[in-house]
Amino acid sequence: MQVEQLIQTITLAAIPILFAITLHEAAHGYVARHFGDMTAYQQGRISLNPLRHIDPVGTVLFPLLTLWLGGILFGWAKPVPVNFGALRRPKQDMLWVAIAGPASNLFMALGWAFLYKMATLFSGNYFSEPLMGMAEWGIRINVVLMVLNMLPLPPLDGGRVAVSMLPHRQAYQLAKIEPYGMFILIFLAITPVLSLVLSPLVNLAFKLISLLFGI
């Protein structure tokens, strides 16, 4: 990607990225507090302030790198601290805390799709084209984050969902992967494997949203 194109992409993608990571992490904290864990609340992480959630490497460096190289946009934010032992029903409530993040990305993707549709109704307006470009990035970023986070690999949300739903013995075995999960994910991201796994699911989500909104 050329420098000029990269700058234009960053301009359009910056706001959707900040919304995507902020609401994703805040959603985990809100749901954890609802089910009895006050850890995130006490640490001030249930916040819509993006600065509380930005990770210099995961939120800035890796997305820029993947944008530059092409392929699946990849990155992460500082995870909201959750003490699953403080939840009223730790194993069961873990599912709702985990799924809150991807669910927020789904709602944001739908919101950006609605905004894109509204912008098309005013095509030719000075603001319609940049708004459509930003909305397109909003859909893309949130769909990728939703699909990525639902992979059944701890500490991703999908891994936590799997731990919550599996029988105790299998859940314990899967949970032991968590200290190495991020290293596994980064390795997959720098090889074609992650893109090969995510692309069909991401494309399916795009098609469903396009059909829903007629865009």
N, C-alpha and C. Protein backbone atom coordinates (compact mmCIF):
# COMPACT_ATOMS: atom_id res chain seq x y z
N MET A 1 0.85 -1.20 0.00
CA MET A 1 0.00 0.00 0.00
C MET A 1 0.88 1.25 0.00
N GLN A 2 0.59 2.21 -0.90
CA GLN A 2 1.36 3.43 -0.96
C GLN A 2 1.07 4.31 0.24
N VAL A 3 2.01 5.22 0.54
CA VAL A 3 1.91 6.06 1.73
C VAL A 3 0.64 6.90 1.69
N GLU A 4 0.34 7.51 0.54
CA GLU A 4 -0.85 8.36 0.43
C GLU A 4 -2.13 7.56 0.68
N GLN A 5 -2.16 6.35 0.12
CA GLN A 5 -3.32 5.49 0.32
C GLN A 5 -3.44 5.05 1.77
N LEU A 6 -2.28 4.78 2.41
CA LEU A 6 -2.29 4.38 3.81
C LEU A 6 -2.82 5.50 4.69
N ILE A 7 -2.41 6.73 4.42
CA ILE A 7 -2.87 7.88 5.21
C ILE A 7 -4.38 8.06 5.05
N GLN A 8 -4.87 7.93 3.83
CA GLN A 8 -6.30 8.04 3.59
C GLN A 8 -7.07 6.94 4.33
N THR A 9 -6.53 5.74 4.31
CA THR A 9 -7.17 4.61 5.00
C THR A 9 -7.21 4.85 6.50
N ILE A 10 -6.09 5.33 7.07
CA ILE A 10 -6.04 5.60 8.51
C ILE A 10 -7.06 6.67 8.88
N THR A 11 -7.19 7.69 8.04
CA THR A 11 -8.15 8.77 8.30
C THR A 11 -9.57 8.23 8.39
N LEU A 12 -9.92 7.34 7.47
CA LEU A 12 -11.27 6.78 7.46
C LEU A 12 -11.48 5.73 8.54
N ALA A 13 -10.42 4.97 8.85
CA ALA A 13 -10.57 3.81 9.75
C ALA A 13 -10.38 4.15 11.22
N ALA A 14 -9.77 5.29 11.54
CA ALA A 14 -9.39 5.59 12.92
C ALA A 14 -10.60 5.61 13.86
N ILE A 15 -11.64 6.35 13.48
CA ILE A 15 -12.83 6.45 14.35
C ILE A 15 -13.52 5.11 14.50
N PRO A 16 -13.78 4.36 13.41
CA PRO A 16 -14.38 3.02 13.59
C PRO A 16 -13.55 2.09 14.46
N ILE A 17 -12.22 2.14 14.34
CA ILE A 17 -11.36 1.29 15.17
C ILE A 17 -11.51 1.66 16.64
N LEU A 18 -11.47 2.96 16.95
CA LEU A 18 -11.58 3.40 18.35
C LEU A 18 -12.92 3.00 18.95
N PHE A 19 -14.01 3.19 18.18
CA PHE A 19 -15.32 2.76 18.67
C PHE A 19 -15.36 1.25 18.87
N ALA A 20 -14.80 0.50 17.91
CA ALA A 20 -14.88 -0.95 17.95
C ALA A 20 -14.20 -1.52 19.18
N ILE A 21 -12.97 -1.04 19.47
CA ILE A 21 -12.24 -1.60 20.61
C ILE A 21 -12.80 -1.09 21.93
N THR A 22 -13.23 0.19 21.96
CA THR A 22 -13.72 0.77 23.21
C THR A 22 -15.01 0.11 23.66
N LEU A 23 -15.97 0.01 22.76
CA LEU A 23 -17.25 -0.58 23.14
C LEU A 23 -17.13 -2.08 23.39
N HIS A 24 -16.24 -2.74 22.64
CA HIS A 24 -16.01 -4.17 22.86
C HIS A 24 -15.53 -4.42 24.28
N GLU A 25 -14.50 -3.70 24.70
CA GLU A 25 -13.95 -3.92 26.04
C GLU A 25 -14.90 -3.44 27.14
N ALA A 26 -15.54 -2.29 26.92
CA ALA A 26 -16.49 -1.79 27.91
C ALA A 26 -17.65 -2.76 28.10
N ALA A 27 -18.08 -3.42 27.01
CA ALA A 27 -19.18 -4.38 27.10
C ALA A 27 -18.83 -5.53 28.03
N HIS A 28 -17.58 -6.03 27.94
CA HIS A 28 -17.15 -7.08 28.87
C HIS A 28 -17.30 -6.60 30.32
N GLY A 29 -16.83 -5.37 30.57
CA GLY A 29 -16.88 -4.85 31.93
C GLY A 29 -18.29 -4.65 32.44
N TYR A 30 -19.17 -4.11 31.59
CA TYR A 30 -20.57 -3.91 31.99
C TYR A 30 -21.23 -5.23 32.36
N VAL A 31 -21.05 -6.24 31.52
CA VAL A 31 -21.71 -7.53 31.77
C VAL A 31 -21.09 -8.22 32.99
N ALA A 32 -19.76 -8.12 33.15
CA ALA A 32 -19.13 -8.70 34.34
C ALA A 32 -19.68 -8.05 35.61
N ARG A 33 -19.84 -6.73 35.59
CA ARG A 33 -20.41 -6.06 36.77
C ARG A 33 -21.84 -6.52 37.02
N HIS A 34 -22.61 -6.71 35.94
CA HIS A 34 -24.00 -7.17 36.08
C HIS A 34 -24.06 -8.53 36.78
N PHE A 35 -23.06 -9.39 36.51
CA PHE A 35 -23.06 -10.73 37.09
C PHE A 35 -22.23 -10.83 38.37
N GLY A 36 -21.82 -9.69 38.91
CA GLY A 36 -21.23 -9.70 40.25
C GLY A 36 -19.76 -9.38 40.37
N ASP A 37 -19.03 -9.26 39.25
CA ASP A 37 -17.59 -8.96 39.32
C ASP A 37 -17.36 -7.46 39.15
N MET A 38 -16.82 -6.81 40.18
CA MET A 38 -16.63 -5.36 40.17
C MET A 38 -15.20 -4.97 39.79
N THR A 39 -14.38 -5.92 39.37
CA THR A 39 -12.96 -5.64 39.11
C THR A 39 -12.77 -4.53 38.09
N ALA A 40 -13.37 -4.65 36.93
CA ALA A 40 -13.22 -3.64 35.88
C ALA A 40 -13.76 -2.29 36.33
N TYR A 41 -14.87 -2.30 37.04
CA TYR A 41 -15.47 -1.05 37.53
C TYR A 41 -14.53 -0.35 38.51
N GLN A 42 -13.97 -1.13 39.43
CA GLN A 42 -13.07 -0.54 40.43
C GLN A 42 -11.78 -0.01 39.83
N GLN A 43 -11.35 -0.57 38.69
CA GLN A 43 -10.14 -0.11 38.02
C GLN A 43 -10.42 0.95 36.96
N GLY A 44 -11.66 1.40 36.88
CA GLY A 44 -12.02 2.45 35.93
C GLY A 44 -12.01 2.01 34.48
N ARG A 45 -12.17 0.71 34.22
CA ARG A 45 -12.11 0.20 32.85
C ARG A 45 -13.48 0.09 32.19
N ILE A 46 -14.56 0.32 32.96
CA ILE A 46 -15.87 0.39 32.31
C ILE A 46 -16.03 1.83 31.85
N SER A 47 -15.45 2.12 30.72
CA SER A 47 -15.35 3.49 30.25
C SER A 47 -15.44 3.53 28.74
N LEU A 48 -16.01 4.62 28.22
CA LEU A 48 -16.05 4.85 26.78
C LEU A 48 -14.90 5.72 26.32
N ASN A 49 -13.93 5.95 27.22
CA ASN A 49 -12.73 6.69 26.87
C ASN A 49 -11.74 5.74 26.18
N PRO A 50 -11.47 5.94 24.89
CA PRO A 50 -10.58 5.00 24.17
C PRO A 50 -9.20 4.89 24.79
N LEU A 51 -8.71 5.96 25.43
CA LEU A 51 -7.36 5.94 25.99
C LEU A 51 -7.21 4.88 27.08
N ARG A 52 -8.31 4.49 27.70
CA ARG A 52 -8.25 3.47 28.75
C ARG A 52 -8.10 2.06 28.17
N HIS A 53 -8.31 1.93 26.88
CA HIS A 53 -8.34 0.59 26.27
C HIS A 53 -7.25 0.39 25.22
N ILE A 54 -6.57 1.46 24.80
CA ILE A 54 -5.59 1.35 23.72
C ILE A 54 -4.33 0.64 24.20
N ASP A 55 -3.90 -0.34 23.43
CA ASP A 55 -2.62 -1.01 23.62
C ASP A 55 -1.69 -0.53 22.50
N PRO A 56 -0.53 0.06 22.83
CA PRO A 56 0.32 0.63 21.78
C PRO A 56 0.68 -0.37 20.67
N VAL A 57 0.93 -1.61 21.06
CA VAL A 57 1.29 -2.62 20.06
C VAL A 57 0.05 -3.14 19.35
N GLY A 58 -0.92 -3.63 20.12
CA GLY A 58 -2.08 -4.29 19.53
C GLY A 58 -3.06 -3.37 18.84
N THR A 59 -3.20 -2.12 19.33
CA THR A 59 -4.18 -1.20 18.78
C THR A 59 -3.59 -0.29 17.71
N VAL A 60 -2.29 -0.09 17.75
CA VAL A 60 -1.65 0.85 16.82
C VAL A 60 -0.71 0.13 15.85
N LEU A 61 0.31 -0.54 16.40
CA LEU A 61 1.37 -1.11 15.55
C LEU A 61 0.86 -2.23 14.65
N PHE A 62 0.17 -3.22 15.24
CA PHE A 62 -0.27 -4.36 14.44
C PHE A 62 -1.31 -3.98 13.38
N PRO A 63 -2.33 -3.17 13.70
CA PRO A 63 -3.25 -2.76 12.64
C PRO A 63 -2.56 -2.01 11.51
N LEU A 64 -1.61 -1.11 11.84
CA LEU A 64 -0.88 -0.39 10.80
C LEU A 64 -0.08 -1.36 9.94
N LEU A 65 0.53 -2.34 10.60
CA LEU A 65 1.34 -3.32 9.88
C LEU A 65 0.49 -4.15 8.93
N THR A 66 -0.67 -4.59 9.42
CA THR A 66 -1.54 -5.42 8.57
C THR A 66 -2.17 -4.60 7.45
N LEU A 67 -2.46 -3.32 7.73
CA LEU A 67 -2.95 -2.45 6.66
C LEU A 67 -1.89 -2.28 5.58
N TRP A 68 -0.64 -2.11 6.02
CA TRP A 68 0.46 -1.90 5.09
C TRP A 68 0.69 -3.14 4.22
N LEU A 69 0.63 -4.32 4.86
CA LEU A 69 0.92 -5.57 4.15
C LEU A 69 -0.29 -6.12 3.41
N GLY A 70 -1.48 -5.67 3.79
CA GLY A 70 -2.70 -6.21 3.21
C GLY A 70 -3.18 -7.43 3.97
N GLY A 71 -4.32 -7.97 3.57
CA GLY A 71 -4.88 -9.14 4.25
C GLY A 71 -5.84 -8.73 5.35
N ILE A 72 -6.09 -9.66 6.29
CA ILE A 72 -7.03 -9.44 7.37
C ILE A 72 -6.49 -8.40 8.35
N LEU A 73 -7.29 -7.36 8.63
CA LEU A 73 -6.91 -6.37 9.64
C LEU A 73 -6.87 -7.05 10.99
N PHE A 74 -5.74 -6.94 11.68
CA PHE A 74 -5.54 -7.68 12.93
C PHE A 74 -5.04 -6.74 14.02
N GLY A 75 -5.58 -6.89 15.22
CA GLY A 75 -5.13 -6.09 16.35
C GLY A 75 -5.91 -6.43 17.60
N TRP A 76 -5.58 -5.77 18.69
CA TRP A 76 -6.27 -6.02 19.95
C TRP A 76 -6.13 -4.80 20.85
N ALA A 77 -6.93 -4.76 21.90
CA ALA A 77 -6.88 -3.70 22.90
C ALA A 77 -6.43 -4.30 24.23
N LYS A 78 -6.19 -3.43 25.21
CA LYS A 78 -5.90 -3.94 26.56
C LYS A 78 -7.14 -4.64 27.09
N PRO A 79 -7.04 -5.91 27.45
CA PRO A 79 -8.24 -6.62 27.90
C PRO A 79 -8.76 -6.06 29.22
N VAL A 80 -10.07 -5.96 29.31
CA VAL A 80 -10.70 -5.55 30.57
C VAL A 80 -10.50 -6.66 31.59
N PRO A 81 -10.02 -6.32 32.80
CA PRO A 81 -9.80 -7.37 33.80
C PRO A 81 -11.13 -7.94 34.31
N VAL A 82 -11.22 -9.25 34.29
CA VAL A 82 -12.41 -9.94 34.79
C VAL A 82 -11.96 -11.03 35.75
N ASN A 83 -12.49 -11.01 36.94
CA ASN A 83 -12.25 -12.06 37.93
C ASN A 83 -13.43 -13.03 37.86
N PHE A 84 -13.25 -14.09 37.08
CA PHE A 84 -14.38 -15.01 36.86
C PHE A 84 -14.82 -15.67 38.15
N GLY A 85 -13.89 -15.78 39.12
CA GLY A 85 -14.26 -16.35 40.41
C GLY A 85 -15.23 -15.49 41.18
N ALA A 86 -15.30 -14.19 40.85
CA ALA A 86 -16.21 -13.28 41.56
C ALA A 86 -17.60 -13.27 40.95
N LEU A 87 -17.78 -13.90 39.80
CA LEU A 87 -19.11 -13.98 39.21
C LEU A 87 -20.00 -14.88 40.06
N ARG A 88 -21.28 -14.62 40.03
CA ARG A 88 -22.20 -15.38 40.88
C ARG A 88 -22.21 -16.87 40.51
N ARG A 89 -22.16 -17.17 39.23
CA ARG A 89 -22.05 -18.55 38.74
C ARG A 89 -20.89 -18.56 37.74
N PRO A 90 -19.66 -18.71 38.22
CA PRO A 90 -18.49 -18.47 37.37
C PRO A 90 -18.52 -19.15 36.01
N LYS A 91 -18.78 -20.45 35.97
CA LYS A 91 -18.70 -21.16 34.69
C LYS A 91 -19.81 -20.74 33.74
N GLN A 92 -21.03 -20.58 34.26
CA GLN A 92 -22.15 -20.21 33.41
C GLN A 92 -22.07 -18.75 32.99
N ASP A 93 -21.76 -17.86 33.95
CA ASP A 93 -21.76 -16.43 33.66
C ASP A 93 -20.59 -16.02 32.78
N MET A 94 -19.52 -16.84 32.77
CA MET A 94 -18.37 -16.57 31.90
C MET A 94 -18.82 -16.46 30.44
N LEU A 95 -19.80 -17.27 30.04
CA LEU A 95 -20.28 -17.24 28.66
C LEU A 95 -20.81 -15.86 28.30
N TRP A 96 -21.63 -15.26 29.17
CA TRP A 96 -22.25 -13.97 28.87
C TRP A 96 -21.23 -12.84 28.88
N VAL A 97 -20.27 -12.91 29.80
CA VAL A 97 -19.22 -11.90 29.84
C VAL A 97 -18.39 -11.97 28.55
N ALA A 98 -18.06 -13.18 28.13
CA ALA A 98 -17.22 -13.36 26.94
C ALA A 98 -17.94 -12.93 25.67
N ILE A 99 -19.20 -13.31 25.56
CA ILE A 99 -19.92 -13.05 24.31
C ILE A 99 -20.33 -11.59 24.16
N ALA A 100 -20.26 -10.83 25.25
CA ALA A 100 -20.66 -9.42 25.21
C ALA A 100 -19.81 -8.62 24.23
N GLY A 101 -18.50 -8.92 24.16
CA GLY A 101 -17.62 -8.18 23.26
C GLY A 101 -17.97 -8.39 21.80
N PRO A 102 -17.98 -9.64 21.30
CA PRO A 102 -18.38 -9.87 19.91
C PRO A 102 -19.80 -9.38 19.60
N ALA A 103 -20.71 -9.48 20.59
CA ALA A 103 -22.08 -8.99 20.36
C ALA A 103 -22.07 -7.48 20.12
N SER A 104 -21.22 -6.76 20.86
CA SER A 104 -21.13 -5.31 20.65
C SER A 104 -20.60 -5.01 19.25
N ASN A 105 -19.65 -5.82 18.77
CA ASN A 105 -19.13 -5.63 17.42
C ASN A 105 -20.20 -5.90 16.36
N LEU A 106 -21.05 -6.88 16.60
CA LEU A 106 -22.15 -7.16 15.68
C LEU A 106 -23.09 -5.97 15.60
N PHE A 107 -23.47 -5.42 16.75
CA PHE A 107 -24.38 -4.28 16.76
C PHE A 107 -23.74 -3.06 16.10
N MET A 108 -22.43 -2.87 16.31
CA MET A 108 -21.76 -1.75 15.65
C MET A 108 -21.68 -1.96 14.15
N ALA A 109 -21.42 -3.19 13.71
CA ALA A 109 -21.39 -3.46 12.27
C ALA A 109 -22.74 -3.14 11.64
N LEU A 110 -23.82 -3.51 12.32
CA LEU A 110 -25.16 -3.21 11.81
C LEU A 110 -25.42 -1.71 11.82
N GLY A 111 -24.92 -1.03 12.87
CA GLY A 111 -25.08 0.42 12.94
C GLY A 111 -24.35 1.14 11.81
N TRP A 112 -23.11 0.71 11.54
CA TRP A 112 -22.36 1.30 10.44
C TRP A 112 -23.01 0.98 9.10
N ALA A 113 -23.60 -0.20 8.95
CA ALA A 113 -24.29 -0.57 7.71
C ALA A 113 -25.50 0.34 7.49
N PHE A 114 -26.21 0.62 8.57
CA PHE A 114 -27.35 1.54 8.48
C PHE A 114 -26.88 2.94 8.07
N LEU A 115 -25.77 3.39 8.65
CA LEU A 115 -25.22 4.70 8.31
C LEU A 115 -24.79 4.73 6.84
N TYR A 116 -24.18 3.63 6.37
CA TYR A 116 -23.78 3.54 4.96
C TYR A 116 -25.00 3.66 4.06
N LYS A 117 -26.07 2.96 4.43
CA LYS A 117 -27.30 3.01 3.63
C LYS A 117 -27.86 4.43 3.59
N MET A 118 -27.85 5.12 4.73
CA MET A 118 -28.34 6.50 4.77
C MET A 118 -27.48 7.41 3.90
N ALA A 119 -26.17 7.19 3.91
CA ALA A 119 -25.26 8.01 3.12
C ALA A 119 -25.52 7.84 1.62
N THR A 120 -25.89 6.61 1.22
CA THR A 120 -26.15 6.37 -0.21
C THR A 120 -27.39 7.13 -0.69
N LEU A 121 -28.29 7.43 0.23
CA LEU A 121 -29.51 8.17 -0.14
C LEU A 121 -29.20 9.62 -0.46
N PHE A 122 -28.02 10.09 0.00
CA PHE A 122 -27.62 11.48 -0.24
C PHE A 122 -26.35 11.52 -1.09
N SER A 123 -26.20 10.53 -1.99
CA SER A 123 -25.00 10.48 -2.83
C SER A 123 -24.89 11.76 -3.64
N GLY A 124 -23.68 12.24 -3.78
CA GLY A 124 -23.45 13.52 -4.44
C GLY A 124 -23.26 14.63 -3.45
N ASN A 125 -23.74 14.44 -2.22
CA ASN A 125 -23.49 15.41 -1.15
C ASN A 125 -22.01 15.42 -0.81
N TYR A 126 -21.50 16.56 -0.34
CA TYR A 126 -20.07 16.71 -0.05
C TYR A 126 -19.59 15.69 0.97
N PHE A 127 -20.46 15.37 1.96
CA PHE A 127 -20.04 14.48 3.05
C PHE A 127 -20.37 13.02 2.79
N SER A 128 -21.15 12.73 1.77
CA SER A 128 -21.64 11.36 1.60
C SER A 128 -20.52 10.37 1.28
N GLU A 129 -19.59 10.75 0.41
CA GLU A 129 -18.54 9.81 0.03
C GLU A 129 -17.61 9.46 1.19
N PRO A 130 -17.06 10.48 1.94
CA PRO A 130 -16.22 10.10 3.09
C PRO A 130 -17.00 9.35 4.16
N LEU A 131 -18.29 9.68 4.33
CA LEU A 131 -19.10 8.97 5.32
C LEU A 131 -19.30 7.52 4.90
N MET A 132 -19.50 7.29 3.63
CA MET A 132 -19.63 5.91 3.13
C MET A 132 -18.33 5.15 3.32
N GLY A 133 -17.19 5.83 3.07
CA GLY A 133 -15.89 5.18 3.26
C GLY A 133 -15.66 4.82 4.72
N MET A 134 -16.02 5.73 5.63
CA MET A 134 -15.86 5.45 7.05
C MET A 134 -16.79 4.33 7.50
N ALA A 135 -18.03 4.37 7.01
CA ALA A 135 -19.00 3.33 7.38
C ALA A 135 -18.56 1.97 6.86
N GLU A 136 -17.98 1.95 5.65
CA GLU A 136 -17.48 0.69 5.09
C GLU A 136 -16.39 0.11 5.97
N TRP A 137 -15.49 0.97 6.45
CA TRP A 137 -14.45 0.50 7.37
C TRP A 137 -15.06 0.06 8.70
N GLY A 138 -16.09 0.77 9.15
CA GLY A 138 -16.75 0.38 10.40
C GLY A 138 -17.34 -1.01 10.32
N ILE A 139 -17.98 -1.31 9.18
CA ILE A 139 -18.53 -2.66 8.98
C ILE A 139 -17.40 -3.68 8.97
N ARG A 140 -16.37 -3.38 8.19
CA ARG A 140 -15.26 -4.33 8.02
C ARG A 140 -14.56 -4.63 9.35
N ILE A 141 -14.21 -3.59 10.08
CA ILE A 141 -13.46 -3.75 11.32
C ILE A 141 -14.27 -4.55 12.34
N ASN A 142 -15.54 -4.20 12.48
CA ASN A 142 -16.35 -4.87 13.50
C ASN A 142 -16.66 -6.32 13.13
N VAL A 143 -16.84 -6.60 11.84
CA VAL A 143 -17.06 -7.99 11.42
C VAL A 143 -15.81 -8.82 11.69
N VAL A 144 -14.64 -8.27 11.33
CA VAL A 144 -13.40 -9.00 11.57
C VAL A 144 -13.19 -9.24 13.06
N LEU A 145 -13.39 -8.22 13.89
CA LEU A 145 -13.21 -8.39 15.33
C LEU A 145 -14.20 -9.40 15.90
N MET A 146 -15.44 -9.37 15.43
CA MET A 146 -16.44 -10.32 15.91
C MET A 146 -16.02 -11.75 15.57
N VAL A 147 -15.66 -11.98 14.30
CA VAL A 147 -15.30 -13.34 13.87
C VAL A 147 -14.01 -13.79 14.54
N LEU A 148 -13.01 -12.90 14.58
CA LEU A 148 -11.73 -13.24 15.20
C LEU A 148 -11.91 -13.63 16.66
N ASN A 149 -12.67 -12.84 17.39
CA ASN A 149 -12.82 -13.09 18.82
C ASN A 149 -13.66 -14.31 19.13
N MET A 150 -14.40 -14.81 18.15
CA MET A 150 -15.20 -16.01 18.41
C MET A 150 -14.44 -17.30 18.08
N LEU A 151 -13.17 -17.18 17.66
CA LEU A 151 -12.36 -18.40 17.49
C LEU A 151 -12.21 -19.08 18.85
N PRO A 152 -12.33 -20.41 18.92
CA PRO A 152 -12.30 -21.12 20.20
C PRO A 152 -10.89 -21.30 20.75
N LEU A 153 -10.20 -20.18 20.93
CA LEU A 153 -8.83 -20.20 21.41
C LEU A 153 -8.70 -19.25 22.60
N PRO A 154 -8.57 -19.76 23.83
CA PRO A 154 -8.34 -18.85 24.96
C PRO A 154 -7.03 -18.08 24.73
N PRO A 155 -6.95 -16.78 25.06
CA PRO A 155 -7.93 -15.99 25.81
C PRO A 155 -8.94 -15.24 24.96
N LEU A 156 -9.12 -15.61 23.70
CA LEU A 156 -10.16 -14.98 22.89
C LEU A 156 -11.53 -15.30 23.49
N ASP A 157 -12.51 -14.46 23.15
CA ASP A 157 -13.84 -14.63 23.72
C ASP A 157 -14.44 -15.99 23.36
N GLY A 158 -14.17 -16.45 22.14
CA GLY A 158 -14.68 -17.76 21.74
C GLY A 158 -14.10 -18.88 22.57
N GLY A 159 -12.85 -18.72 22.99
CA GLY A 159 -12.24 -19.70 23.89
C GLY A 159 -12.94 -19.73 25.23
N ARG A 160 -13.27 -18.54 25.73
CA ARG A 160 -13.99 -18.48 27.02
C ARG A 160 -15.39 -19.06 26.90
N VAL A 161 -16.04 -18.80 25.75
CA VAL A 161 -17.37 -19.39 25.53
C VAL A 161 -17.26 -20.91 25.52
N ALA A 162 -16.23 -21.43 24.85
CA ALA A 162 -16.04 -22.89 24.80
C ALA A 162 -15.78 -23.46 26.18
N VAL A 163 -14.95 -22.78 26.98
CA VAL A 163 -14.66 -23.23 28.36
C VAL A 163 -15.94 -23.25 29.18
N SER A 164 -16.79 -22.25 28.96
CA SER A 164 -18.05 -22.19 29.70
C SER A 164 -18.99 -23.33 29.33
N MET A 165 -18.98 -23.74 28.06
CA MET A 165 -19.96 -24.72 27.59
C MET A 165 -19.49 -26.16 27.67
N LEU A 166 -18.17 -26.38 27.67
CA LEU A 166 -17.65 -27.74 27.70
C LEU A 166 -17.81 -28.37 29.09
N PRO A 167 -17.85 -29.71 29.17
CA PRO A 167 -17.80 -30.37 30.47
C PRO A 167 -16.51 -29.99 31.21
N HIS A 168 -16.51 -30.13 32.53
CA HIS A 168 -15.42 -29.61 33.36
C HIS A 168 -14.05 -30.11 32.93
N ARG A 169 -13.92 -31.41 32.64
CA ARG A 169 -12.60 -31.94 32.30
C ARG A 169 -12.08 -31.33 31.01
N GLN A 170 -12.91 -31.29 29.96
CA GLN A 170 -12.49 -30.73 28.68
C GLN A 170 -12.27 -29.22 28.79
N ALA A 171 -13.12 -28.56 29.60
CA ALA A 171 -12.96 -27.12 29.81
C ALA A 171 -11.62 -26.81 30.48
N TYR A 172 -11.24 -27.63 31.44
CA TYR A 172 -9.96 -27.43 32.14
C TYR A 172 -8.79 -27.60 31.18
N GLN A 173 -8.85 -28.59 30.31
CA GLN A 173 -7.78 -28.82 29.34
C GLN A 173 -7.66 -27.65 28.37
N LEU A 174 -8.78 -27.15 27.89
CA LEU A 174 -8.76 -26.01 26.98
C LEU A 174 -8.25 -24.75 27.67
N ALA A 175 -8.65 -24.55 28.92
CA ALA A 175 -8.25 -23.35 29.66
C ALA A 175 -6.75 -23.30 29.88
N LYS A 176 -6.08 -24.45 29.90
CA LYS A 176 -4.64 -24.48 30.12
C LYS A 176 -3.86 -23.86 28.95
N ILE A 177 -4.53 -23.71 27.81
CA ILE A 177 -3.88 -23.10 26.64
C ILE A 177 -3.75 -21.59 26.80
N GLU A 178 -4.56 -20.98 27.67
CA GLU A 178 -4.68 -19.52 27.72
C GLU A 178 -3.35 -18.77 27.82
N PRO A 179 -2.37 -19.19 28.65
CA PRO A 179 -1.11 -18.43 28.72
C PRO A 179 -0.37 -18.36 27.39
N TYR A 180 -0.65 -19.31 26.49
CA TYR A 180 0.06 -19.36 25.21
C TYR A 180 -0.82 -18.91 24.04
N GLY A 181 -2.09 -18.62 24.33
CA GLY A 181 -3.05 -18.33 23.27
C GLY A 181 -2.68 -17.15 22.40
N MET A 182 -2.20 -16.05 23.02
CA MET A 182 -1.87 -14.86 22.24
C MET A 182 -0.66 -15.11 21.34
N PHE A 183 0.30 -15.88 21.83
CA PHE A 183 1.47 -16.21 21.01
C PHE A 183 1.04 -17.06 19.81
N ILE A 184 0.12 -18.00 20.05
CA ILE A 184 -0.40 -18.83 18.96
C ILE A 184 -1.11 -17.95 17.93
N LEU A 185 -1.90 -16.99 18.43
CA LEU A 185 -2.67 -16.13 17.54
C LEU A 185 -1.75 -15.24 16.70
N ILE A 186 -0.72 -14.68 17.32
CA ILE A 186 0.22 -13.83 16.57
C ILE A 186 0.95 -14.66 15.51
N PHE A 187 1.33 -15.88 15.88
CA PHE A 187 1.98 -16.76 14.90
C PHE A 187 1.06 -17.02 13.72
N LEU A 188 -0.21 -17.31 14.01
CA LEU A 188 -1.17 -17.55 12.93
C LEU A 188 -1.37 -16.31 12.07
N ALA A 189 -1.29 -15.12 12.72
CA ALA A 189 -1.52 -13.87 12.00
C ALA A 189 -0.41 -13.54 11.02
N ILE A 190 0.82 -13.95 11.34
CA ILE A 190 1.94 -13.63 10.45
C ILE A 190 2.16 -14.73 9.41
N THR A 191 1.31 -15.73 9.43
CA THR A 191 1.30 -16.76 8.39
C THR A 191 -0.04 -16.65 7.66
N PRO A 192 -0.21 -17.33 6.54
CA PRO A 192 -1.50 -17.26 5.83
C PRO A 192 -2.64 -17.97 6.55
N VAL A 193 -2.35 -18.68 7.63
CA VAL A 193 -3.35 -19.55 8.25
C VAL A 193 -4.55 -18.76 8.78
N LEU A 194 -4.28 -17.67 9.51
CA LEU A 194 -5.38 -16.92 10.11
C LEU A 194 -6.30 -16.35 9.04
N SER A 195 -5.72 -15.82 7.99
CA SER A 195 -6.52 -15.28 6.90
C SER A 195 -7.36 -16.37 6.23
N LEU A 196 -6.77 -17.56 6.05
CA LEU A 196 -7.50 -18.66 5.43
C LEU A 196 -8.68 -19.11 6.28
N VAL A 197 -8.51 -19.05 7.60
CA VAL A 197 -9.59 -19.45 8.51
C VAL A 197 -10.68 -18.38 8.57
N LEU A 198 -10.26 -17.11 8.67
CA LEU A 198 -11.23 -16.04 8.89
C LEU A 198 -11.95 -15.60 7.63
N SER A 199 -11.26 -15.58 6.50
CA SER A 199 -11.82 -14.98 5.28
C SER A 199 -13.20 -15.53 4.89
N PRO A 200 -13.41 -16.86 4.86
CA PRO A 200 -14.75 -17.35 4.49
C PRO A 200 -15.84 -16.87 5.46
N LEU A 201 -15.53 -16.85 6.76
CA LEU A 201 -16.52 -16.42 7.75
C LEU A 201 -16.78 -14.93 7.66
N VAL A 202 -15.72 -14.15 7.45
CA VAL A 202 -15.87 -12.70 7.31
C VAL A 202 -16.68 -12.38 6.06
N ASN A 203 -16.37 -13.04 4.96
CA ASN A 203 -17.09 -12.80 3.71
C ASN A 203 -18.57 -13.17 3.83
N LEU A 204 -18.85 -14.25 4.55
CA LEU A 204 -20.25 -14.65 4.77
C LEU A 204 -20.99 -13.58 5.56
N ALA A 205 -20.34 -13.05 6.61
CA ALA A 205 -20.96 -12.00 7.42
C ALA A 205 -21.21 -10.75 6.59
N PHE A 206 -20.25 -10.38 5.73
CA PHE A 206 -20.43 -9.23 4.84
C PHE A 206 -21.65 -9.42 3.94
N LYS A 207 -21.77 -10.62 3.37
CA LYS A 207 -22.87 -10.89 2.45
C LYS A 207 -24.23 -10.80 3.16
N LEU A 208 -24.29 -11.34 4.38
CA LEU A 208 -25.54 -11.29 5.13
C LEU A 208 -25.93 -9.86 5.48
N ILE A 209 -24.95 -9.05 5.88
CA ILE A 209 -25.23 -7.65 6.20
C ILE A 209 -25.65 -6.89 4.95
N SER A 210 -24.97 -7.17 3.83
CA SER A 210 -25.32 -6.52 2.56
C SER A 210 -26.75 -6.86 2.14
N LEU A 211 -27.12 -8.12 2.30
CA LEU A 211 -28.48 -8.52 1.97
C LEU A 211 -29.51 -7.87 2.89
N LEU A 212 -29.16 -7.77 4.16
CA LEU A 212 -30.09 -7.20 5.16
C LEU A 212 -30.38 -5.73 4.87
N PHE A 213 -29.34 -5.00 4.47
CA PHE A 213 -29.49 -3.55 4.27
C PHE A 213 -29.58 -3.15 2.79
N GLY A 214 -29.43 -4.12 1.91
CA GLY A 214 -29.52 -3.81 0.49
C GLY A 214 -28.41 -2.88 0.03
N ILE A 215 -27.18 -3.17 0.48
CA ILE A 215 -26.05 -2.30 0.11
C ILE A 215 -25.03 -3.08 -0.70
